[in-house]
PDB file of all heavy atoms in Angstrom:
ATOM      1  N   GLU A   1       0.864  -1.182   0.000  1.00  0.00           N
ATOM      2  CA  GLU A   1       0.000   0.000   0.000  1.00  0.00           C
ATOM      3  C   GLU A   1       0.899   1.229   0.000  1.00  0.00           C
ATOM      4  O   GLU A   1       1.602   1.507   0.972  1.00  0.00           O
ATOM      5  CB  GLU A   1      -0.899  -0.005   1.241  1.00  0.00           C
ATOM      6  CG  GLU A   1      -1.749   1.236   1.425  1.00  0.00           C
ATOM      7  CD  GLU A   1      -2.661   1.526   0.271  1.00  0.00           C
ATOM      8  OE1 GLU A   1      -3.503   0.675  -0.054  1.00  0.00           O
ATOM      9  OE2 GLU A   1      -2.513   2.614  -0.332  1.00  0.00           O
ATOM     10  N   GLU A   2       0.914   1.948  -1.117  1.00  0.00           N
ATOM     11  CA  GLU A   2       1.832   3.069  -1.269  1.00  0.00           C
ATOM     12  C   GLU A   2       1.367   4.316  -0.519  1.00  0.00           C
ATOM     13  O   GLU A   2       2.167   5.152  -0.140  1.00  0.00           O
ATOM     14  CB  GLU A   2       2.003   3.415  -2.756  1.00  0.00           C
ATOM     15  CG  GLU A   2       2.639   2.284  -3.562  1.00  0.00           C
ATOM     16  CD  GLU A   2       2.792   2.653  -5.022  1.00  0.00           C
ATOM     17  OE1 GLU A   2       2.366   3.772  -5.398  1.00  0.00           O
ATOM     18  OE2 GLU A   2       3.327   1.841  -5.791  1.00  0.00           O
ATOM     19  N   ASP A   3       0.084   4.449  -0.325  1.00  0.00           N
ATOM     20  CA  ASP A   3      -0.469   5.702   0.201  1.00  0.00           C
ATOM     21  C   ASP A   3      -1.239   5.455   1.489  1.00  0.00           C
ATOM     22  O   ASP A   3      -2.425   5.715   1.581  1.00  0.00           O
ATOM     23  CB  ASP A   3      -1.378   6.336  -0.855  1.00  0.00           C
ATOM     24  CG  ASP A   3      -1.866   7.713  -0.415  1.00  0.00           C
ATOM     25  OD1 ASP A   3      -1.153   8.363   0.352  1.00  0.00           O
ATOM     26  OD2 ASP A   3      -2.958   8.108  -0.867  1.00  0.00           O
ATOM     27  N   SER A   4      -0.569   4.916   2.488  1.00  0.00           N
ATOM     28  CA  SER A   4      -1.231   4.688   3.766  1.00  0.00           C
ATOM     29  C   SER A   4      -0.854   5.794   4.733  1.00  0.00           C
ATOM     30  O   SER A   4       0.184   6.434   4.610  1.00  0.00           O
ATOM     31  CB  SER A   4      -0.828   3.330   4.355  1.00  0.00           C
ATOM     32  OG  SER A   4       0.558   3.281   4.583  1.00  0.00           O
ATOM     33  N   GLY A   5      -1.728   6.023   5.729  1.00  0.00           N
ATOM     34  CA  GLY A   5      -1.462   7.058   6.724  1.00  0.00           C
ATOM     35  C   GLY A   5      -0.687   6.499   7.891  1.00  0.00           C
ATOM     36  O   GLY A   5      -0.777   5.312   8.220  1.00  0.00           O
ATOM     37  N   ASP A   6       0.092   7.365   8.556  1.00  0.00           N
ATOM     38  CA  ASP A   6       0.928   6.922   9.664  1.00  0.00           C
ATOM     39  C   ASP A   6       0.102   6.476  10.862  1.00  0.00           C
ATOM     40  O   ASP A   6      -1.056   6.852  11.031  1.00  0.00           O
ATOM     41  CB  ASP A   6       1.881   8.045  10.084  1.00  0.00           C
ATOM     42  CG  ASP A   6       3.082   8.150   9.157  1.00  0.00           C
ATOM     43  OD1 ASP A   6       3.435   7.132   8.542  1.00  0.00           O
ATOM     44  OD2 ASP A   6       3.652   9.248   9.043  1.00  0.00           O
ATOM     45  N   GLU A   7       0.761   5.701  11.731  1.00  0.00           N
ATOM     46  CA  GLU A   7       0.100   5.112  12.889  1.00  0.00           C
ATOM     47  C   GLU A   7      -0.009   6.108  14.041  1.00  0.00           C
ATOM     48  O   GLU A   7       0.769   7.044  14.163  1.00  0.00           O
ATOM     49  CB  GLU A   7       0.871   3.876  13.352  1.00  0.00           C
ATOM     50  CG  GLU A   7       0.917   2.770  12.298  1.00  0.00           C
ATOM     51  CD  GLU A   7       1.593   1.514  12.807  1.00  0.00           C
ATOM     52  OE1 GLU A   7       2.406   1.626  13.751  1.00  0.00           O
ATOM     53  OE2 GLU A   7       1.299   0.432  12.280  1.00  0.00           O
ATOM     54  N   GLN A   8      -1.008   5.835  14.916  1.00  0.00           N
ATOM     55  CA  GLN A   8      -1.214   6.694  16.082  1.00  0.00           C
ATOM     56  C   GLN A   8      -0.182   6.410  17.164  1.00  0.00           C
ATOM     57  O   GLN A   8       0.269   7.311  17.863  1.00  0.00           O
ATOM     58  CB  GLN A   8      -2.626   6.501  16.638  1.00  0.00           C
ATOM     59  CG  GLN A   8      -2.972   7.456  17.774  1.00  0.00           C
ATOM     60  CD  GLN A   8      -4.384   7.262  18.278  1.00  0.00           C
ATOM     61  OE1 GLN A   8      -4.951   6.183  18.159  1.00  0.00           O
ATOM     62  NE2 GLN A   8      -4.954   8.300  18.854  1.00  0.00           N
ATOM     63  N   PHE A   9       0.154   5.148  17.336  1.00  0.00           N
ATOM     64  CA  PHE A   9       1.141   4.745  18.336  1.00  0.00           C
ATOM     65  C   PHE A   9       1.664   3.368  17.949  1.00  0.00           C
ATOM     66  O   PHE A   9       1.118   2.700  17.064  1.00  0.00           O
ATOM     67  CB  PHE A   9       0.525   4.693  19.749  1.00  0.00           C
ATOM     68  CG  PHE A   9      -0.690   3.797  19.846  1.00  0.00           C
ATOM     69  CD1 PHE A   9      -0.567   2.441  20.068  1.00  0.00           C
ATOM     70  CD2 PHE A   9      -1.967   4.324  19.695  1.00  0.00           C
ATOM     71  CE1 PHE A   9      -1.693   1.617  20.146  1.00  0.00           C
ATOM     72  CE2 PHE A   9      -3.095   3.512  19.769  1.00  0.00           C
ATOM     73  CZ  PHE A   9      -2.952   2.156  19.986  1.00  0.00           C
ATOM     74  N   GLU A  10       2.729   2.938  18.596  1.00  0.00           N
ATOM     75  CA  GLU A  10       3.298   1.625  18.332  1.00  0.00           C
ATOM     76  C   GLU A  10       2.539   0.556  19.120  1.00  0.00           C
ATOM     77  O   GLU A  10       2.210   0.756  20.291  1.00  0.00           O
ATOM     78  CB  GLU A  10       4.768   1.594  18.736  1.00  0.00           C
ATOM     79  CG  GLU A  10       5.663   2.500  17.919  1.00  0.00           C
ATOM     80  CD  GLU A  10       7.109   2.457  18.385  1.00  0.00           C
ATOM     81  OE1 GLU A  10       7.432   1.573  19.225  1.00  0.00           O
ATOM     82  OE2 GLU A  10       7.899   3.282  17.927  1.00  0.00           O
ATOM     83  N   ILE A  11       2.288  -0.577  18.473  1.00  0.00           N
ATOM     84  CA  ILE A  11       1.669  -1.695  19.176  1.00  0.00           C
ATOM     85  C   ILE A  11       2.762  -2.642  19.667  1.00  0.00           C
ATOM     86  O   ILE A  11       3.890  -2.627  19.184  1.00  0.00           O
ATOM     87  CB  ILE A  11       0.652  -2.446  18.292  1.00  0.00           C
ATOM     88  CG1 ILE A  11       1.332  -3.094  17.078  1.00  0.00           C
ATOM     89  CG2 ILE A  11      -0.460  -1.510  17.857  1.00  0.00           C
ATOM     90  CD1 ILE A  11       0.415  -3.991  16.281  1.00  0.00           C
ATOM     91  N   ALA A  12       2.406  -3.484  20.644  1.00  0.00           N
ATOM     92  CA  ALA A  12       3.371  -4.429  21.203  1.00  0.00           C
ATOM     93  C   ALA A  12       3.034  -5.875  20.862  1.00  0.00           C
ATOM     94  O   ALA A  12       3.892  -6.742  20.917  1.00  0.00           O
ATOM     95  CB  ALA A  12       3.438  -4.262  22.718  1.00  0.00           C
ATOM     96  N   ASP A  13       1.781  -6.141  20.534  1.00  0.00           N
ATOM     97  CA  ASP A  13       1.343  -7.502  20.222  1.00  0.00           C
ATOM     98  C   ASP A  13       0.719  -7.503  18.829  1.00  0.00           C
ATOM     99  O   ASP A  13      -0.403  -7.025  18.648  1.00  0.00           O
ATOM    100  CB  ASP A  13       0.327  -7.981  21.265  1.00  0.00           C
ATOM    101  CG  ASP A  13      -0.089  -9.441  21.072  1.00  0.00           C
ATOM    102  OD1 ASP A  13       0.353 -10.063  20.086  1.00  0.00           O
ATOM    103  OD2 ASP A  13      -0.854  -9.948  21.916  1.00  0.00           O
ATOM    104  N   GLY A  14       1.444  -8.011  17.855  1.00  0.00           N
ATOM    105  CA  GLY A  14       0.992  -7.956  16.468  1.00  0.00           C
ATOM    106  C   GLY A  14       0.371  -9.242  15.952  1.00  0.00           C
ATOM    107  O   GLY A  14       0.336  -9.463  14.740  1.00  0.00           O
ATOM    108  N   ARG A  15      -0.140 -10.078  16.852  1.00  0.00           N
ATOM    109  CA  ARG A  15      -0.699 -11.359  16.411  1.00  0.00           C
ATOM    110  C   ARG A  15      -1.900 -11.195  15.490  1.00  0.00           C
ATOM    111  O   ARG A  15      -2.728 -10.294  15.676  1.00  0.00           O
ATOM    112  CB  ARG A  15      -1.117 -12.191  17.624  1.00  0.00           C
ATOM    113  CG  ARG A  15       0.012 -12.966  18.261  1.00  0.00           C
ATOM    114  CD  ARG A  15      -0.455 -13.729  19.476  1.00  0.00           C
ATOM    115  NE  ARG A  15      -0.745 -12.845  20.608  1.00  0.00           N
ATOM    116  CZ  ARG A  15      -1.199 -13.270  21.783  1.00  0.00           C
ATOM    117  NH1 ARG A  15      -1.456 -14.555  21.968  1.00  0.00           N
ATOM    118  NH2 ARG A  15      -1.414 -12.410  22.763  1.00  0.00           N
ATOM    119  N   SER A  16      -1.988 -12.066  14.503  1.00  0.00           N
ATOM    120  CA  SER A  16      -3.137 -12.097  13.606  1.00  0.00           C
ATOM    121  C   SER A  16      -4.351 -12.642  14.340  1.00  0.00           C
ATOM    122  O   SER A  16      -4.240 -13.216  15.439  1.00  0.00           O
ATOM    123  CB  SER A  16      -2.841 -12.988  12.402  1.00  0.00           C
ATOM    124  OG  SER A  16      -2.732 -14.349  12.818  1.00  0.00           O
ATOM    125  N   PHE A  17      -5.522 -12.475  13.714  1.00  0.00           N
ATOM    126  CA  PHE A  17      -6.746 -13.039  14.293  1.00  0.00           C
ATOM    127  C   PHE A  17      -6.619 -14.549  14.466  1.00  0.00           C
ATOM    128  O   PHE A  17      -6.943 -15.099  15.523  1.00  0.00           O
ATOM    129  CB  PHE A  17      -7.942 -12.712  13.401  1.00  0.00           C
ATOM    130  CG  PHE A  17      -9.145 -13.571  13.671  1.00  0.00           C
ATOM    131  CD1 PHE A  17      -9.857 -13.443  14.844  1.00  0.00           C
ATOM    132  CD2 PHE A  17      -9.541 -14.531  12.749  1.00  0.00           C
ATOM    133  CE1 PHE A  17     -10.954 -14.246  15.105  1.00  0.00           C
ATOM    134  CE2 PHE A  17     -10.638 -15.332  12.993  1.00  0.00           C
ATOM    135  CZ  PHE A  17     -11.346 -15.194  14.180  1.00  0.00           C
ATOM    136  N   THR A  18      -6.119 -15.237  13.454  1.00  0.00           N
ATOM    137  CA  THR A  18      -6.009 -16.698  13.505  1.00  0.00           C
ATOM    138  C   THR A  18      -5.103 -17.137  14.646  1.00  0.00           C
ATOM    139  O   THR A  18      -5.433 -18.066  15.403  1.00  0.00           O
ATOM    140  CB  THR A  18      -5.478 -17.251  12.172  1.00  0.00           C
ATOM    141  OG1 THR A  18      -6.371 -16.856  11.122  1.00  0.00           O
ATOM    142  CG2 THR A  18      -5.383 -18.766  12.211  1.00  0.00           C
ATOM    143  N   GLN A  19      -3.960 -16.463  14.787  1.00  0.00           N
ATOM    144  CA  GLN A  19      -3.031 -16.831  15.851  1.00  0.00           C
ATOM    145  C   GLN A  19      -3.623 -16.535  17.222  1.00  0.00           C
ATOM    146  O   GLN A  19      -3.478 -17.321  18.163  1.00  0.00           O
ATOM    147  CB  GLN A  19      -1.710 -16.083  15.680  1.00  0.00           C
ATOM    148  CG  GLN A  19      -0.612 -16.557  16.638  1.00  0.00           C
ATOM    149  CD  GLN A  19      -0.283 -18.024  16.457  1.00  0.00           C
ATOM    150  OE1 GLN A  19       0.029 -18.457  15.343  1.00  0.00           O
ATOM    151  NE2 GLN A  19      -0.369 -18.806  17.523  1.00  0.00           N
ATOM    152  N   MET A  20      -4.302 -15.392  17.361  1.00  0.00           N
ATOM    153  CA  MET A  20      -4.926 -15.053  18.633  1.00  0.00           C
ATOM    154  C   MET A  20      -5.988 -16.079  19.004  1.00  0.00           C
ATOM    155  O   MET A  20      -6.071 -16.526  20.155  1.00  0.00           O
ATOM    156  CB  MET A  20      -5.548 -13.653  18.557  1.00  0.00           C
ATOM    157  CG  MET A  20      -6.203 -13.195  19.856  1.00  0.00           C
ATOM    158  SD  MET A  20      -5.035 -12.914  21.182  1.00  0.00           S
ATOM    159  CE  MET A  20      -4.330 -11.353  20.659  1.00  0.00           C
ATOM    160  N   TYR A  21      -6.801 -16.466  18.036  1.00  0.00           N
ATOM    161  CA  TYR A  21      -7.860 -17.458  18.262  1.00  0.00           C
ATOM    162  C   TYR A  21      -7.242 -18.763  18.781  1.00  0.00           C
ATOM    163  O   TYR A  21      -7.715 -19.348  19.765  1.00  0.00           O
ATOM    164  CB  TYR A  21      -8.622 -17.688  16.970  1.00  0.00           C
ATOM    165  CG  TYR A  21      -9.952 -18.397  17.124  1.00  0.00           C
ATOM    166  CD1 TYR A  21     -11.147 -17.681  17.121  1.00  0.00           C
ATOM    167  CD2 TYR A  21     -10.031 -19.781  17.288  1.00  0.00           C
ATOM    168  CE1 TYR A  21     -12.369 -18.318  17.261  1.00  0.00           C
ATOM    169  CE2 TYR A  21     -11.236 -20.432  17.440  1.00  0.00           C
ATOM    170  CZ  TYR A  21     -12.415 -19.695  17.422  1.00  0.00           C
ATOM    171  OH  TYR A  21     -13.625 -20.339  17.563  1.00  0.00           O
ATOM    172  N   ARG A  22      -6.175 -19.207  18.108  1.00  0.00           N
ATOM    173  CA  ARG A  22      -5.527 -20.465  18.512  1.00  0.00           C
ATOM    174  C   ARG A  22      -4.903 -20.362  19.893  1.00  0.00           C
ATOM    175  O   ARG A  22      -4.980 -21.300  20.701  1.00  0.00           O
ATOM    176  CB  ARG A  22      -4.460 -20.838  17.480  1.00  0.00           C
ATOM    177  CG  ARG A  22      -5.018 -21.296  16.137  1.00  0.00           C
ATOM    178  CD  ARG A  22      -3.902 -21.461  15.133  1.00  0.00           C
ATOM    179  NE  ARG A  22      -4.395 -21.907  13.836  1.00  0.00           N
ATOM    180  CZ  ARG A  22      -3.681 -21.892  12.723  1.00  0.00           C
ATOM    181  NH1 ARG A  22      -2.426 -21.448  12.748  1.00  0.00           N
ATOM    182  NH2 ARG A  22      -4.198 -22.321  11.581  1.00  0.00           N
ATOM    183  N   ASP A  23      -4.284 -19.219  20.171  1.00  0.00           N
ATOM    184  CA  ASP A  23      -3.634 -19.049  21.468  1.00  0.00           C
ATOM    185  C   ASP A  23      -4.653 -19.036  22.600  1.00  0.00           C
ATOM    186  O   ASP A  23      -4.397 -19.585  23.679  1.00  0.00           O
ATOM    187  CB  ASP A  23      -2.814 -17.754  21.485  1.00  0.00           C
ATOM    188  CG  ASP A  23      -1.550 -17.846  20.634  1.00  0.00           C
ATOM    189  OD1 ASP A  23      -1.221 -18.966  20.178  1.00  0.00           O
ATOM    190  OD2 ASP A  23      -0.911 -16.805  20.413  1.00  0.00           O
ATOM    191  N   ILE A  24      -5.793 -18.405  22.378  1.00  0.00           N
ATOM    192  CA  ILE A  24      -6.842 -18.394  23.401  1.00  0.00           C
ATOM    193  C   ILE A  24      -7.348 -19.816  23.646  1.00  0.00           C
ATOM    194  O   ILE A  24      -7.508 -20.259  24.795  1.00  0.00           O
ATOM    195  CB  ILE A  24      -7.997 -17.466  22.978  1.00  0.00           C
ATOM    196  CG1 ILE A  24      -7.537 -16.001  23.030  1.00  0.00           C
ATOM    197  CG2 ILE A  24      -9.217 -17.659  23.883  1.00  0.00           C
ATOM    198  CD1 ILE A  24      -8.529 -15.023  22.436  1.00  0.00           C
ATOM    199  N   GLU A  25      -7.596 -20.546  22.570  1.00  0.00           N
ATOM    200  CA  GLU A  25      -8.039 -21.947  22.709  1.00  0.00           C
ATOM    201  C   GLU A  25      -7.016 -22.790  23.453  1.00  0.00           C
ATOM    202  O   GLU A  25      -7.385 -23.659  24.266  1.00  0.00           O
ATOM    203  CB  GLU A  25      -8.298 -22.542  21.327  1.00  0.00           C
ATOM    204  CG  GLU A  25      -9.630 -22.167  20.713  1.00  0.00           C
ATOM    205  CD  GLU A  25      -9.931 -22.987  19.473  1.00  0.00           C
ATOM    206  OE1 GLU A  25      -9.001 -23.211  18.663  1.00  0.00           O
ATOM    207  OE2 GLU A  25     -11.093 -23.416  19.314  1.00  0.00           O
ATOM    208  N   SER A  26      -5.734 -22.568  23.158  1.00  0.00           N
ATOM    209  CA  SER A  26      -4.677 -23.379  23.781  1.00  0.00           C
ATOM    210  C   SER A  26      -4.605 -23.177  25.285  1.00  0.00           C
ATOM    211  O   SER A  26      -4.057 -24.000  26.010  1.00  0.00           O
ATOM    212  CB  SER A  26      -3.325 -23.063  23.144  1.00  0.00           C
ATOM    213  OG  SER A  26      -2.866 -21.781  23.535  1.00  0.00           O
ATOM    214  N   GLU A  27      -5.158 -22.054  25.771  1.00  0.00           N
ATOM    215  CA  GLU A  27      -5.187 -21.781  27.205  1.00  0.00           C
ATOM    216  C   GLU A  27      -6.435 -22.355  27.870  1.00  0.00           C
ATOM    217  O   GLU A  27      -6.686 -22.116  29.057  1.00  0.00           O
ATOM    218  CB  GLU A  27      -5.125 -20.271  27.455  1.00  0.00           C
ATOM    219  CG  GLU A  27      -3.858 -19.587  26.963  1.00  0.00           C
ATOM    220  CD  GLU A  27      -2.642 -19.938  27.794  1.00  0.00           C
ATOM    221  OE1 GLU A  27      -2.813 -20.543  28.887  1.00  0.00           O
ATOM    222  OE2 GLU A  27      -1.521 -19.616  27.364  1.00  0.00           O
ATOM    223  N   GLY A  28      -7.248 -23.082  27.103  1.00  0.00           N
ATOM    224  CA  GLY A  28      -8.472 -23.652  27.647  1.00  0.00           C
ATOM    225  C   GLY A  28      -9.619 -22.675  27.728  1.00  0.00           C
ATOM    226  O   GLY A  28     -10.618 -22.936  28.413  1.00  0.00           O
ATOM    227  N   LEU A  29      -9.485 -21.557  27.024  1.00  0.00           N
ATOM    228  CA  LEU A  29     -10.537 -20.535  26.999  1.00  0.00           C
ATOM    229  C   LEU A  29     -11.328 -20.632  25.708  1.00  0.00           C
ATOM    230  O   LEU A  29     -10.898 -21.280  24.747  1.00  0.00           O
ATOM    231  CB  LEU A  29      -9.916 -19.144  27.131  1.00  0.00           C
ATOM    232  CG  LEU A  29      -9.096 -18.906  28.405  1.00  0.00           C
ATOM    233  CD1 LEU A  29      -8.329 -17.598  28.312  1.00  0.00           C
ATOM    234  CD2 LEU A  29      -9.986 -18.923  29.638  1.00  0.00           C
ATOM    235  N   GLN A  30     -12.490 -19.987  25.676  1.00  0.00           N
ATOM    236  CA  GLN A  30     -13.358 -20.034  24.506  1.00  0.00           C
ATOM    237  C   GLN A  30     -13.364 -18.698  23.787  1.00  0.00           C
ATOM    238  O   GLN A  30     -13.920 -17.717  24.293  1.00  0.00           O
ATOM    239  CB  GLN A  30     -14.787 -20.405  24.913  1.00  0.00           C
ATOM    240  CG  GLN A  30     -15.790 -20.380  23.772  1.00  0.00           C
ATOM    241  CD  GLN A  30     -15.435 -21.337  22.654  1.00  0.00           C
ATOM    242  OE1 GLN A  30     -15.263 -22.523  22.895  1.00  0.00           O
ATOM    243  NE2 GLN A  30     -15.299 -20.830  21.440  1.00  0.00           N
ATOM    244  N   PRO A  31     -12.752 -18.606  22.598  1.00  0.00           N
ATOM    245  CA  PRO A  31     -12.831 -17.356  21.840  1.00  0.00           C
ATOM    246  C   PRO A  31     -14.261 -17.122  21.364  1.00  0.00           C
ATOM    247  O   PRO A  31     -14.933 -18.040  20.892  1.00  0.00           O
ATOM    248  CB  PRO A  31     -11.892 -17.599  20.645  1.00  0.00           C
ATOM    249  CG  PRO A  31     -11.141 -18.855  20.955  1.00  0.00           C
ATOM    250  CD  PRO A  31     -11.996 -19.647  21.890  1.00  0.00           C
ATOM    251  N   VAL A  32     -14.735 -15.883  21.484  1.00  0.00           N
ATOM    252  CA  VAL A  32     -16.088 -15.527  21.069  1.00  0.00           C
ATOM    253  C   VAL A  32     -15.988 -14.374  20.073  1.00  0.00           C
ATOM    254  O   VAL A  32     -15.313 -13.380  20.316  1.00  0.00           O
ATOM    255  CB  VAL A  32     -16.964 -15.109  22.268  1.00  0.00           C
ATOM    256  CG1 VAL A  32     -18.330 -14.631  21.793  1.00  0.00           C
ATOM    257  CG2 VAL A  32     -17.120 -16.272  23.231  1.00  0.00           C
ATOM    258  N   LEU A  33     -16.656 -14.516  18.947  1.00  0.00           N
ATOM    259  CA  LEU A  33     -16.636 -13.483  17.909  1.00  0.00           C
ATOM    260  C   LEU A  33     -17.850 -12.589  17.986  1.00  0.00           C
ATOM    261  O   LEU A  33     -17.790 -11.419  17.612  1.00  0.00           O
ATOM    262  CB  LEU A  33     -16.540 -14.131  16.529  1.00  0.00           C
ATOM    263  CG  LEU A  33     -15.385 -15.114  16.333  1.00  0.00           C
ATOM    264  CD1 LEU A  33     -15.379 -15.638  14.915  1.00  0.00           C
ATOM    265  CD2 LEU A  33     -14.058 -14.442  16.667  1.00  0.00           C
ATOM    266  N   ASN A  34     -18.965 -13.120  18.470  1.00  0.00           N
ATOM    267  CA  ASN A  34     -20.189 -12.323  18.592  1.00  0.00           C
ATOM    268  C   ASN A  34     -21.193 -13.128  19.395  1.00  0.00           C
ATOM    269  O   ASN A  34     -21.298 -14.334  19.235  1.00  0.00           O
ATOM    270  CB  ASN A  34     -20.766 -12.013  17.190  1.00  0.00           C
ATOM    271  CG  ASN A  34     -22.049 -11.228  17.285  1.00  0.00           C
ATOM    272  OD1 ASN A  34     -22.094 -10.122  17.795  1.00  0.00           O
ATOM    273  ND2 ASN A  34     -23.136 -11.817  16.793  1.00  0.00           N
ATOM    274  N   ASP A  35     -21.940 -12.458  20.260  1.00  0.00           N
ATOM    275  CA  ASP A  35     -22.949 -13.173  21.041  1.00  0.00           C
ATOM    276  C   ASP A  35     -24.315 -12.542  20.954  1.00  0.00           C
ATOM    277  O   ASP A  35     -25.154 -12.697  21.824  1.00  0.00           O
ATOM    278  CB  ASP A  35     -22.518 -13.292  22.515  1.00  0.00           C
ATOM    279  CG  ASP A  35     -22.375 -11.951  23.210  1.00  0.00           C
ATOM    280  OD1 ASP A  35     -22.541 -10.919  22.528  1.00  0.00           O
ATOM    281  OD2 ASP A  35     -22.109 -11.947  24.416  1.00  0.00           O
ATOM    282  N   TYR A  36     -24.550 -11.829  19.831  1.00  0.00           N
ATOM    283  CA  TYR A  36     -25.853 -11.205  19.614  1.00  0.00           C
ATOM    284  C   TYR A  36     -26.629 -11.964  18.543  1.00  0.00           C
ATOM    285  O   TYR A  36     -26.062 -12.410  17.545  1.00  0.00           O
ATOM    286  CB  TYR A  36     -25.712  -9.740  19.207  1.00  0.00           C
ATOM    287  CG  TYR A  36     -25.343  -8.852  20.362  1.00  0.00           C
ATOM    288  CD1 TYR A  36     -24.014  -8.572  20.640  1.00  0.00           C
ATOM    289  CD2 TYR A  36     -26.336  -8.342  21.195  1.00  0.00           C
ATOM    290  CE1 TYR A  36     -23.679  -7.785  21.717  1.00  0.00           C
ATOM    291  CE2 TYR A  36     -25.998  -7.558  22.271  1.00  0.00           C
ATOM    292  CZ  TYR A  36     -24.664  -7.290  22.536  1.00  0.00           C
ATOM    293  OH  TYR A  36     -24.336  -6.511  23.610  1.00  0.00           O
TER     294      TYR A  36
END
């Protein structure tokens, strides 16, 4: 993307959705995307 705007601040955890979902499951927790 040649014409993107700069960031507001630096992030510390850059995990993708897929990786986050797997990591939450691996801890024995239930990832929830929507409950409505």
